[in-house]
N, C-alpha and C. Protein backbone atom coordinates (compact mmCIF):
# COMPACT_ATOMS: atom_id res chain seq x y z
N MET A 1 112.37 75.83 105.86
CA MET A 1 113.78 76.40 106.52
C MET A 1 113.81 75.05 107.87
N THR A 2 114.80 74.15 107.19
CA THR A 2 114.73 73.03 108.40
C THR A 2 115.76 73.56 109.77
N ASP A 3 116.83 73.87 108.76
CA ASP A 3 118.08 74.23 109.97
C ASP A 3 117.75 75.23 111.03
N PRO A 4 118.20 74.52 112.39
CA PRO A 4 117.95 75.18 113.36
C PRO A 4 119.01 77.05 112.93
N ASN A 5 119.98 76.48 112.52
CA ASN A 5 121.15 77.24 112.28
C ASN A 5 120.62 78.46 111.25
N GLN A 6 120.21 78.40 110.51
CA GLN A 6 119.84 79.39 109.44
C GLN A 6 118.88 80.43 110.04
N LYS A 7 119.32 81.88 109.17
CA LYS A 7 118.74 82.86 110.03
C LYS A 7 117.35 83.15 109.13
N ALA A 8 116.35 83.62 109.76
CA ALA A 8 115.05 84.11 109.07
C ALA A 8 115.24 85.41 108.46
N PHE A 9 115.03 85.38 107.23
CA PHE A 9 114.79 87.34 106.54
C PHE A 9 113.83 87.30 106.48
N PRO A 10 112.11 87.77 107.24
CA PRO A 10 111.17 87.59 106.96
C PRO A 10 111.00 89.16 106.01
N VAL A 11 110.39 89.28 104.99
CA VAL A 11 110.13 90.80 104.11
C VAL A 11 108.51 90.98 103.75
N SER A 12 108.19 91.93 104.41
CA SER A 12 106.53 92.23 104.18
C SER A 12 106.32 92.80 102.68
N TRP A 13 104.87 92.82 102.49
CA TRP A 13 104.96 93.33 101.47
C TRP A 13 105.36 94.84 101.09
N ASP A 14 105.32 95.70 102.02
CA ASP A 14 105.83 96.71 101.80
C ASP A 14 107.30 96.90 101.49
N GLN A 15 108.22 96.20 102.21
CA GLN A 15 109.76 96.15 101.93
C GLN A 15 109.98 95.20 100.74
N PHE A 16 108.98 94.43 100.01
CA PHE A 16 109.20 93.78 99.19
C PHE A 16 109.33 94.61 98.13
N HIS A 17 107.77 95.73 98.18
CA HIS A 17 107.77 96.34 96.93
C HIS A 17 109.10 97.79 96.69
N ARG A 18 109.40 98.21 97.68
CA ARG A 18 110.51 99.20 97.71
C ARG A 18 111.55 98.60 97.36
N ASP A 19 112.03 97.16 97.48
CA ASP A 19 112.99 96.60 97.02
C ASP A 19 113.11 96.32 95.41
N ALA A 20 112.15 96.43 95.01
CA ALA A 20 111.56 95.58 93.63
C ALA A 20 111.67 97.16 92.74
N ARG A 21 111.34 98.36 93.41
CA ARG A 21 111.22 99.68 92.70
C ARG A 21 112.78 99.90 92.61
N ALA A 22 113.84 99.37 93.83
CA ALA A 22 114.96 99.90 93.67
C ALA A 22 115.82 98.89 92.52
N LEU A 23 115.22 97.61 92.97
CA LEU A 23 116.07 97.42 91.56
C LEU A 23 115.46 98.05 90.19
N ALA A 24 114.60 98.33 89.53
CA ALA A 24 114.37 99.09 88.17
C ALA A 24 114.75 100.20 88.70
N TRP A 25 115.01 101.30 89.65
CA TRP A 25 115.95 102.31 89.51
C TRP A 25 117.30 102.08 89.43
N ARG A 26 118.16 100.74 89.59
CA ARG A 26 119.43 100.32 89.15
C ARG A 26 119.26 100.43 87.92
N LEU A 27 118.39 99.72 87.41
CA LEU A 27 118.42 98.91 86.13
C LEU A 27 118.17 100.20 84.95
N SER A 28 117.26 101.18 85.27
CA SER A 28 117.56 102.40 84.50
C SER A 28 118.39 102.91 84.14
N GLY A 29 118.34 103.21 82.93
CA GLY A 29 119.62 103.79 82.03
C GLY A 29 120.96 103.07 81.80
N GLN A 30 120.68 101.44 82.50
CA GLN A 30 121.60 100.82 81.88
C GLN A 30 121.73 99.83 80.78
N GLY A 31 120.74 100.09 80.02
CA GLY A 31 120.29 99.52 78.37
C GLY A 31 118.83 99.64 78.09
N THR A 32 118.33 99.40 77.16
CA THR A 32 117.39 99.25 76.36
C THR A 32 116.78 97.77 76.39
N TRP A 33 115.31 97.50 76.56
CA TRP A 33 115.36 96.21 76.89
C TRP A 33 114.20 95.80 75.53
N ASN A 34 114.14 95.02 74.58
CA ASN A 34 113.24 94.54 74.16
C ASN A 34 111.61 94.03 74.55
N SER A 35 112.16 93.11 76.07
CA SER A 35 111.48 92.52 76.25
C SER A 35 111.91 91.89 77.68
N MET A 36 111.26 91.33 78.44
CA MET A 36 111.36 90.90 79.58
C MET A 36 111.46 89.38 79.94
N VAL A 37 112.19 88.65 80.81
CA VAL A 37 111.57 87.06 81.08
C VAL A 37 111.69 86.70 82.16
N CYS A 38 110.54 86.20 83.21
CA CYS A 38 110.43 86.19 84.52
C CYS A 38 110.30 85.00 84.44
N ILE A 39 111.58 84.45 85.87
CA ILE A 39 111.58 83.10 86.02
C ILE A 39 110.45 83.07 87.02
N THR A 40 109.56 81.83 87.13
CA THR A 40 108.20 81.61 87.87
C THR A 40 108.67 80.61 88.72
N ARG A 41 108.07 81.01 90.12
CA ARG A 41 107.01 81.80 89.99
C ARG A 41 107.59 83.01 90.98
N GLY A 42 108.39 82.64 91.99
CA GLY A 42 109.04 83.86 92.42
C GLY A 42 109.56 85.31 91.88
N GLY A 43 109.82 85.20 90.41
CA GLY A 43 109.92 86.43 89.18
C GLY A 43 108.85 87.54 89.16
N LEU A 44 107.14 86.32 89.36
CA LEU A 44 106.43 87.27 88.65
C LEU A 44 105.87 88.43 89.77
N VAL A 45 105.90 88.80 90.27
CA VAL A 45 105.95 90.00 91.55
C VAL A 45 107.10 90.97 91.05
N PRO A 46 108.15 90.50 91.51
CA PRO A 46 109.29 91.79 90.63
C PRO A 46 109.10 92.05 89.59
N ALA A 47 108.91 91.25 88.22
CA ALA A 47 108.58 91.39 87.25
C ALA A 47 107.75 92.28 86.67
N ALA A 48 106.17 92.28 87.42
CA ALA A 48 105.33 92.76 87.57
C ALA A 48 105.72 94.74 87.81
N ILE A 49 106.32 94.68 88.88
CA ILE A 49 106.78 96.12 89.67
C ILE A 49 108.10 96.33 88.60
N VAL A 50 108.88 96.04 88.14
CA VAL A 50 109.96 96.35 87.58
C VAL A 50 109.41 97.02 85.85
N SER A 51 108.52 95.68 85.17
CA SER A 51 108.11 96.17 84.26
C SER A 51 107.57 97.50 84.44
N ARG A 52 106.75 98.17 84.95
CA ARG A 52 105.88 99.35 85.54
C ARG A 52 106.85 100.44 85.46
N GLU A 53 107.82 100.37 85.96
CA GLU A 53 108.47 101.29 86.17
C GLU A 53 109.86 101.33 84.95
N LEU A 54 109.99 100.41 84.35
CA LEU A 54 110.83 100.92 83.18
C LEU A 54 109.92 100.80 81.53
N GLY A 55 108.80 100.79 81.89
CA GLY A 55 108.09 101.01 80.42
C GLY A 55 107.72 99.23 79.44
N ILE A 56 108.13 98.06 80.23
CA ILE A 56 108.64 97.23 79.02
C ILE A 56 107.17 96.19 79.24
N ARG A 57 106.90 96.44 78.02
CA ARG A 57 105.53 95.76 77.64
C ARG A 57 105.45 94.12 77.51
N THR A 58 106.41 93.60 76.86
CA THR A 58 106.52 92.06 76.14
C THR A 58 107.43 91.45 77.71
N ILE A 59 106.27 90.70 77.93
CA ILE A 59 107.10 90.18 79.42
C ILE A 59 106.43 88.70 78.87
N GLU A 60 107.70 87.55 78.86
CA GLU A 60 107.36 85.94 78.94
C GLU A 60 107.45 85.63 80.37
N THR A 61 107.98 84.41 80.19
CA THR A 61 108.28 84.02 81.24
C THR A 61 108.79 82.35 81.40
N VAL A 62 109.59 81.90 82.18
CA VAL A 62 110.41 80.43 81.81
C VAL A 62 110.02 79.74 83.02
N CYS A 63 109.84 78.72 83.15
CA CYS A 63 109.09 77.62 84.30
C CYS A 63 110.22 77.00 84.77
N VAL A 64 110.40 77.22 85.62
CA VAL A 64 111.70 76.21 86.37
C VAL A 64 111.50 75.87 87.90
N ALA A 65 111.32 74.35 88.26
CA ALA A 65 111.05 74.09 89.46
C ALA A 65 112.34 73.73 89.93
N SER A 66 112.84 74.31 90.90
CA SER A 66 113.71 73.95 91.92
C SER A 66 113.59 73.75 93.53
N TYR A 67 112.66 74.54 94.54
CA TYR A 67 112.11 74.22 95.58
C TYR A 67 111.14 73.16 95.64
N HIS A 68 111.11 72.00 96.70
CA HIS A 68 110.26 71.28 96.82
C HIS A 68 110.07 71.37 98.42
N GLU A 69 108.50 71.57 98.83
CA GLU A 69 107.71 71.61 99.63
C GLU A 69 108.47 72.86 100.80
N TYR A 70 109.36 73.61 99.87
CA TYR A 70 109.33 75.02 100.79
C TYR A 70 110.19 74.72 101.76
N GLU A 71 111.22 73.54 101.28
CA GLU A 71 112.39 73.57 101.99
C GLU A 71 113.94 72.99 101.94
N LYS A 72 114.39 72.67 100.76
CA LYS A 72 115.18 72.23 100.23
C LYS A 72 115.13 72.34 98.52
N GLN A 73 116.24 72.46 97.79
CA GLN A 73 116.27 73.12 96.68
C GLN A 73 116.68 71.34 95.91
N GLY A 74 115.92 71.17 95.40
CA GLY A 74 116.28 69.74 95.21
C GLY A 74 116.33 69.73 93.08
N GLY A 75 116.39 68.90 92.65
CA GLY A 75 116.76 68.54 90.78
C GLY A 75 116.14 69.71 89.80
N LEU A 76 116.69 70.16 89.24
CA LEU A 76 115.86 71.15 88.51
C LEU A 76 115.23 70.83 87.49
N LYS A 77 114.29 71.78 87.08
CA LYS A 77 113.20 71.00 85.76
C LYS A 77 112.72 72.08 85.15
N VAL A 78 112.94 72.30 83.90
CA VAL A 78 112.24 73.18 82.90
C VAL A 78 110.82 72.83 82.63
N ILE A 79 110.22 73.69 83.02
CA ILE A 79 108.61 73.16 82.89
C ILE A 79 108.24 73.70 81.49
N LYS A 80 108.41 74.89 81.53
CA LYS A 80 108.04 75.54 80.35
C LYS A 80 109.42 76.13 79.59
N ALA A 81 109.81 76.54 78.71
CA ALA A 81 110.93 76.81 78.06
C ALA A 81 110.44 78.22 77.91
N ILE A 82 111.15 79.42 76.92
CA ILE A 82 110.68 80.35 76.47
C ILE A 82 110.67 80.65 75.50
N ASP A 83 109.70 81.04 75.02
CA ASP A 83 109.09 81.24 73.68
C ASP A 83 110.02 82.20 72.60
N PRO A 84 110.56 81.34 71.74
CA PRO A 84 111.80 82.38 71.07
C PRO A 84 111.26 83.41 70.12
N ASP A 85 109.83 83.45 69.94
CA ASP A 85 109.04 84.80 69.23
C ASP A 85 108.79 85.72 70.08
N VAL A 86 108.90 85.84 71.30
CA VAL A 86 108.39 86.81 72.13
C VAL A 86 110.04 87.41 72.36
N ILE A 87 110.97 86.63 72.39
CA ILE A 87 112.55 87.26 73.22
C ILE A 87 112.98 87.27 71.87
N GLY A 88 112.79 87.54 70.39
CA GLY A 88 113.60 87.76 69.35
C GLY A 88 113.56 86.81 68.81
N ALA A 89 114.86 87.72 67.70
CA ALA A 89 115.75 86.12 66.80
C ALA A 89 116.24 84.92 67.83
N THR A 90 115.94 84.01 67.22
CA THR A 90 117.06 83.18 68.06
C THR A 90 118.26 82.86 67.91
N GLY A 91 118.89 83.66 66.80
CA GLY A 91 120.78 83.94 67.17
C GLY A 91 121.00 85.29 68.02
N SER A 92 119.98 85.81 68.56
CA SER A 92 120.44 87.07 69.47
C SER A 92 121.26 86.80 70.63
N GLU A 93 120.86 85.41 71.52
CA GLU A 93 120.83 84.67 72.65
C GLU A 93 120.78 85.70 73.75
N GLY A 94 119.45 86.46 73.53
CA GLY A 94 118.99 87.41 74.72
C GLY A 94 119.14 88.70 74.76
N GLU A 95 120.49 89.11 73.90
CA GLU A 95 120.23 90.75 73.59
C GLU A 95 119.17 91.24 73.70
N GLY A 96 119.41 91.97 74.58
CA GLY A 96 118.14 93.30 74.59
C GLY A 96 117.05 92.55 75.63
N VAL A 97 117.26 91.72 75.97
CA VAL A 97 116.33 91.01 77.22
C VAL A 97 117.12 90.93 78.72
N LEU A 98 116.01 91.14 79.25
CA LEU A 98 116.11 91.51 81.27
C LEU A 98 115.42 90.49 81.77
N ILE A 99 116.46 89.40 82.32
CA ILE A 99 115.48 88.49 83.09
C ILE A 99 115.60 88.85 84.38
N ILE A 100 114.34 88.64 85.35
CA ILE A 100 114.39 88.66 86.60
C ILE A 100 113.61 87.30 87.26
N ASP A 101 114.07 87.74 88.27
CA ASP A 101 113.93 86.58 89.46
C ASP A 101 113.69 87.62 90.95
N ASP A 102 113.13 87.02 91.87
CA ASP A 102 113.20 87.41 93.24
C ASP A 102 114.20 87.21 93.85
N LEU A 103 115.12 86.06 93.68
CA LEU A 103 116.32 86.02 94.22
C LEU A 103 117.49 84.54 93.10
N VAL A 104 118.76 84.94 93.96
CA VAL A 104 119.36 84.29 93.06
C VAL A 104 119.89 83.60 94.70
N ASP A 105 120.29 81.91 94.67
CA ASP A 105 120.45 81.40 96.00
C ASP A 105 122.09 80.55 95.83
N THR A 106 121.71 79.21 94.97
CA THR A 106 122.84 78.27 94.77
C THR A 106 123.25 79.10 93.29
N GLY A 107 122.53 79.33 92.73
CA GLY A 107 122.85 79.79 91.05
C GLY A 107 122.22 79.00 90.40
N LYS A 108 121.88 77.28 90.55
CA LYS A 108 121.49 76.32 89.75
C LYS A 108 120.63 76.87 89.32
N THR A 109 119.33 77.40 89.43
CA THR A 109 118.42 78.09 88.44
C THR A 109 118.41 79.00 87.45
N ALA A 110 119.32 79.87 87.71
CA ALA A 110 119.90 80.78 87.10
C ALA A 110 121.21 80.84 85.86
N ARG A 111 121.60 79.33 86.27
CA ARG A 111 122.64 78.79 85.08
C ARG A 111 121.91 78.40 84.32
N VAL A 112 120.54 77.67 84.15
CA VAL A 112 119.57 77.05 83.40
C VAL A 112 119.16 78.18 82.32
N VAL A 113 118.61 79.21 83.02
CA VAL A 113 118.32 80.57 81.99
C VAL A 113 119.15 81.11 81.74
N ARG A 114 120.27 81.60 82.52
CA ARG A 114 121.50 82.06 81.46
C ARG A 114 122.00 81.10 80.37
N ASP A 115 122.13 80.12 80.83
CA ASP A 115 122.20 79.10 79.41
C ASP A 115 121.54 79.38 77.85
N MET A 116 119.92 79.65 78.56
CA MET A 116 119.15 80.04 77.28
C MET A 116 119.38 81.22 76.97
N LEU A 117 119.73 82.40 77.53
CA LEU A 117 119.82 83.57 76.99
C LEU A 117 121.31 84.09 77.26
N PRO A 118 122.36 83.68 76.89
CA PRO A 118 123.93 84.08 77.81
C PRO A 118 124.05 85.50 77.09
N LYS A 119 123.06 86.54 76.61
CA LYS A 119 123.57 87.77 76.78
C LYS A 119 122.34 88.49 77.26
N ALA A 120 121.71 88.24 77.95
CA ALA A 120 120.66 88.68 78.43
C ALA A 120 121.32 89.49 79.49
N HIS A 121 120.24 90.39 80.10
CA HIS A 121 120.78 91.18 81.75
C HIS A 121 119.91 90.40 82.69
N PHE A 122 120.70 89.67 83.65
CA PHE A 122 120.00 89.02 84.87
C PHE A 122 119.81 89.75 85.89
N ALA A 123 118.35 90.19 86.37
CA ALA A 123 118.28 90.88 87.81
C ALA A 123 117.77 90.12 88.93
N THR A 124 118.23 90.14 89.92
CA THR A 124 117.15 89.81 90.82
C THR A 124 117.63 90.87 91.92
N VAL A 125 116.22 90.42 92.82
CA VAL A 125 116.01 91.89 93.97
C VAL A 125 117.20 91.43 95.03
N TYR A 126 117.48 89.71 95.54
CA TYR A 126 118.03 89.36 96.45
C TYR A 126 119.30 88.36 96.18
N ALA A 127 120.20 88.60 96.52
CA ALA A 127 120.93 87.78 95.86
C ALA A 127 122.02 86.93 97.02
N LYS A 128 122.69 85.90 97.38
CA LYS A 128 123.30 85.35 98.09
C LYS A 128 124.44 84.83 97.34
N PRO A 129 125.79 84.92 98.15
CA PRO A 129 127.09 84.47 98.05
C PRO A 129 127.07 83.65 96.96
N MET A 130 126.92 82.22 97.19
CA MET A 130 126.78 81.17 95.58
C MET A 130 126.42 81.40 94.50
N GLY A 131 125.03 81.88 94.34
CA GLY A 131 124.63 82.73 93.13
C GLY A 131 124.92 84.09 92.30
N ARG A 132 125.85 84.37 93.59
CA ARG A 132 125.61 86.05 92.89
C ARG A 132 126.21 86.25 91.85
N PRO A 133 127.93 85.57 91.28
CA PRO A 133 128.14 85.56 90.00
C PRO A 133 127.13 85.48 88.87
N MET A 134 126.36 84.66 88.84
CA MET A 134 125.08 84.32 87.81
C MET A 134 124.40 85.66 87.60
N VAL A 135 124.36 86.76 88.18
CA VAL A 135 123.45 87.92 88.47
C VAL A 135 124.26 88.96 87.83
N ASP A 136 123.55 90.10 86.97
CA ASP A 136 124.47 91.11 86.57
C ASP A 136 123.92 92.40 87.77
N THR A 137 122.78 92.29 88.23
CA THR A 137 121.96 93.18 88.67
C THR A 137 121.57 92.97 89.75
N PHE A 138 121.26 93.03 91.45
CA PHE A 138 120.69 92.65 92.28
C PHE A 138 120.56 94.05 93.39
N VAL A 139 120.03 94.35 94.55
CA VAL A 139 119.50 94.76 95.59
C VAL A 139 120.32 94.85 96.54
N THR A 140 120.00 93.83 97.17
CA THR A 140 120.23 93.24 98.85
C THR A 140 120.75 91.19 98.39
N GLU A 141 122.32 91.57 99.27
CA GLU A 141 122.85 90.60 99.51
C GLU A 141 122.51 90.12 100.77
N VAL A 142 122.42 88.70 101.02
CA VAL A 142 122.04 87.83 102.25
C VAL A 142 123.12 87.04 102.42
N SER A 143 123.30 86.43 103.65
CA SER A 143 124.07 85.41 103.68
C SER A 143 123.74 84.10 103.20
N GLN A 144 124.17 82.81 102.90
CA GLN A 144 123.45 81.55 102.13
C GLN A 144 123.12 80.94 103.11
N ASP A 145 123.21 81.20 104.78
CA ASP A 145 122.17 80.54 105.29
C ASP A 145 121.40 81.27 106.22
N THR A 146 120.66 82.28 105.26
CA THR A 146 119.54 83.25 105.52
C THR A 146 118.44 82.31 104.70
N TRP A 147 117.14 81.86 105.44
CA TRP A 147 116.07 81.95 104.32
C TRP A 147 115.34 82.75 104.18
N ILE A 148 114.86 83.60 102.93
CA ILE A 148 114.13 84.76 102.89
C ILE A 148 112.58 84.14 102.81
N TYR A 149 111.63 84.66 103.86
CA TYR A 149 110.37 84.46 103.73
C TYR A 149 109.74 85.90 102.86
N PHE A 150 109.11 85.31 101.83
CA PHE A 150 108.44 86.15 100.85
C PHE A 150 107.28 86.72 101.81
N PRO A 151 106.40 87.69 101.43
CA PRO A 151 105.22 88.04 101.69
C PRO A 151 104.32 87.29 101.17
N TRP A 152 104.43 86.81 99.79
CA TRP A 152 103.53 85.42 99.69
C TRP A 152 103.27 84.30 100.27
N ASP A 153 104.27 83.79 101.34
CA ASP A 153 104.47 82.81 101.57
C ASP A 153 103.75 82.94 103.25
N MET A 154 103.41 84.20 103.49
CA MET A 154 103.07 84.36 104.94
C MET A 154 101.93 85.16 104.99
N GLY A 155 101.25 84.72 106.35
CA GLY A 155 100.22 85.42 107.04
C GLY A 155 100.73 86.03 108.14
N LEU A 156 100.06 85.49 109.41
CA LEU A 156 100.67 86.31 110.84
C LEU A 156 101.93 84.62 110.87
N GLN A 157 101.66 83.77 110.53
CA GLN A 157 102.53 82.94 110.25
C GLN A 157 103.09 82.17 108.77
N PHE A 158 103.68 81.32 108.69
CA PHE A 158 103.94 80.39 107.75
C PHE A 158 102.94 80.16 106.99
N GLN A 159 102.07 80.30 105.57
CA GLN A 159 101.27 79.34 105.18
C GLN A 159 101.27 78.47 104.06
N PRO A 160 101.47 77.45 104.38
CA PRO A 160 101.46 76.31 103.26
C PRO A 160 100.24 76.42 102.19
N PRO A 161 100.87 76.42 100.52
CA PRO A 161 100.07 76.45 99.89
C PRO A 161 98.62 75.59 99.89
N ILE A 162 97.52 76.04 99.28
CA ILE A 162 96.40 75.56 99.66
C ILE A 162 96.46 73.97 98.97
N ALA A 163 97.01 74.33 97.49
CA ALA A 163 97.06 72.63 96.97
C ALA A 163 98.86 72.24 97.23
N LYS A 164 98.61 71.18 97.51
CA LYS A 164 100.15 70.39 98.12
C LYS A 164 100.66 70.46 96.93
N ASP A 165 100.33 70.07 95.92
CA ASP A 165 101.23 69.41 94.61
C ASP A 165 101.44 71.23 93.88
N SER A 166 101.13 72.49 94.34
CA SER A 166 101.57 73.04 93.63
C SER A 166 103.00 74.13 94.30
N ALA A 167 103.42 73.00 95.37
CA ALA A 167 104.72 73.72 95.65
C ALA A 167 105.91 73.50 94.90
N GLY A 168 105.58 72.91 94.30
CA GLY A 168 107.17 72.51 93.42
C GLY A 168 107.40 73.00 92.16
């Protein structure tokens, strides 16, 4: 967060857990999912909570790097694609798959994953207006100029990752 006009939205572990459970509550009854694809890294924590609440056992990851140095969204890079064996037949286009992420911001990452699985159900805990059309279900909308400080990014103050190159 480098823009002084940007709003800060710090989220505690308790709040994030409540919000992720609220996402699971909204998703319950919306469909039957054969598997889940979580967008790493931000989607790992909500995926664990949602999969527990909904009883989803088959979980796959797709690794898309978009934020660099925790400050700005850069170019997108798919680091690890989705394993077709986990999500079912290649012709299904994601039918019966639940995609989970912590946040949809500009929608660029969501678009990349949505293109991989156009028939999947896309859910995030938080959504910003630019990315909101890319998701089917979310819990809380925040303004585009809000920077969400997730609990895994914070101690008593922002904590940079130990390994500098793990930020990408």
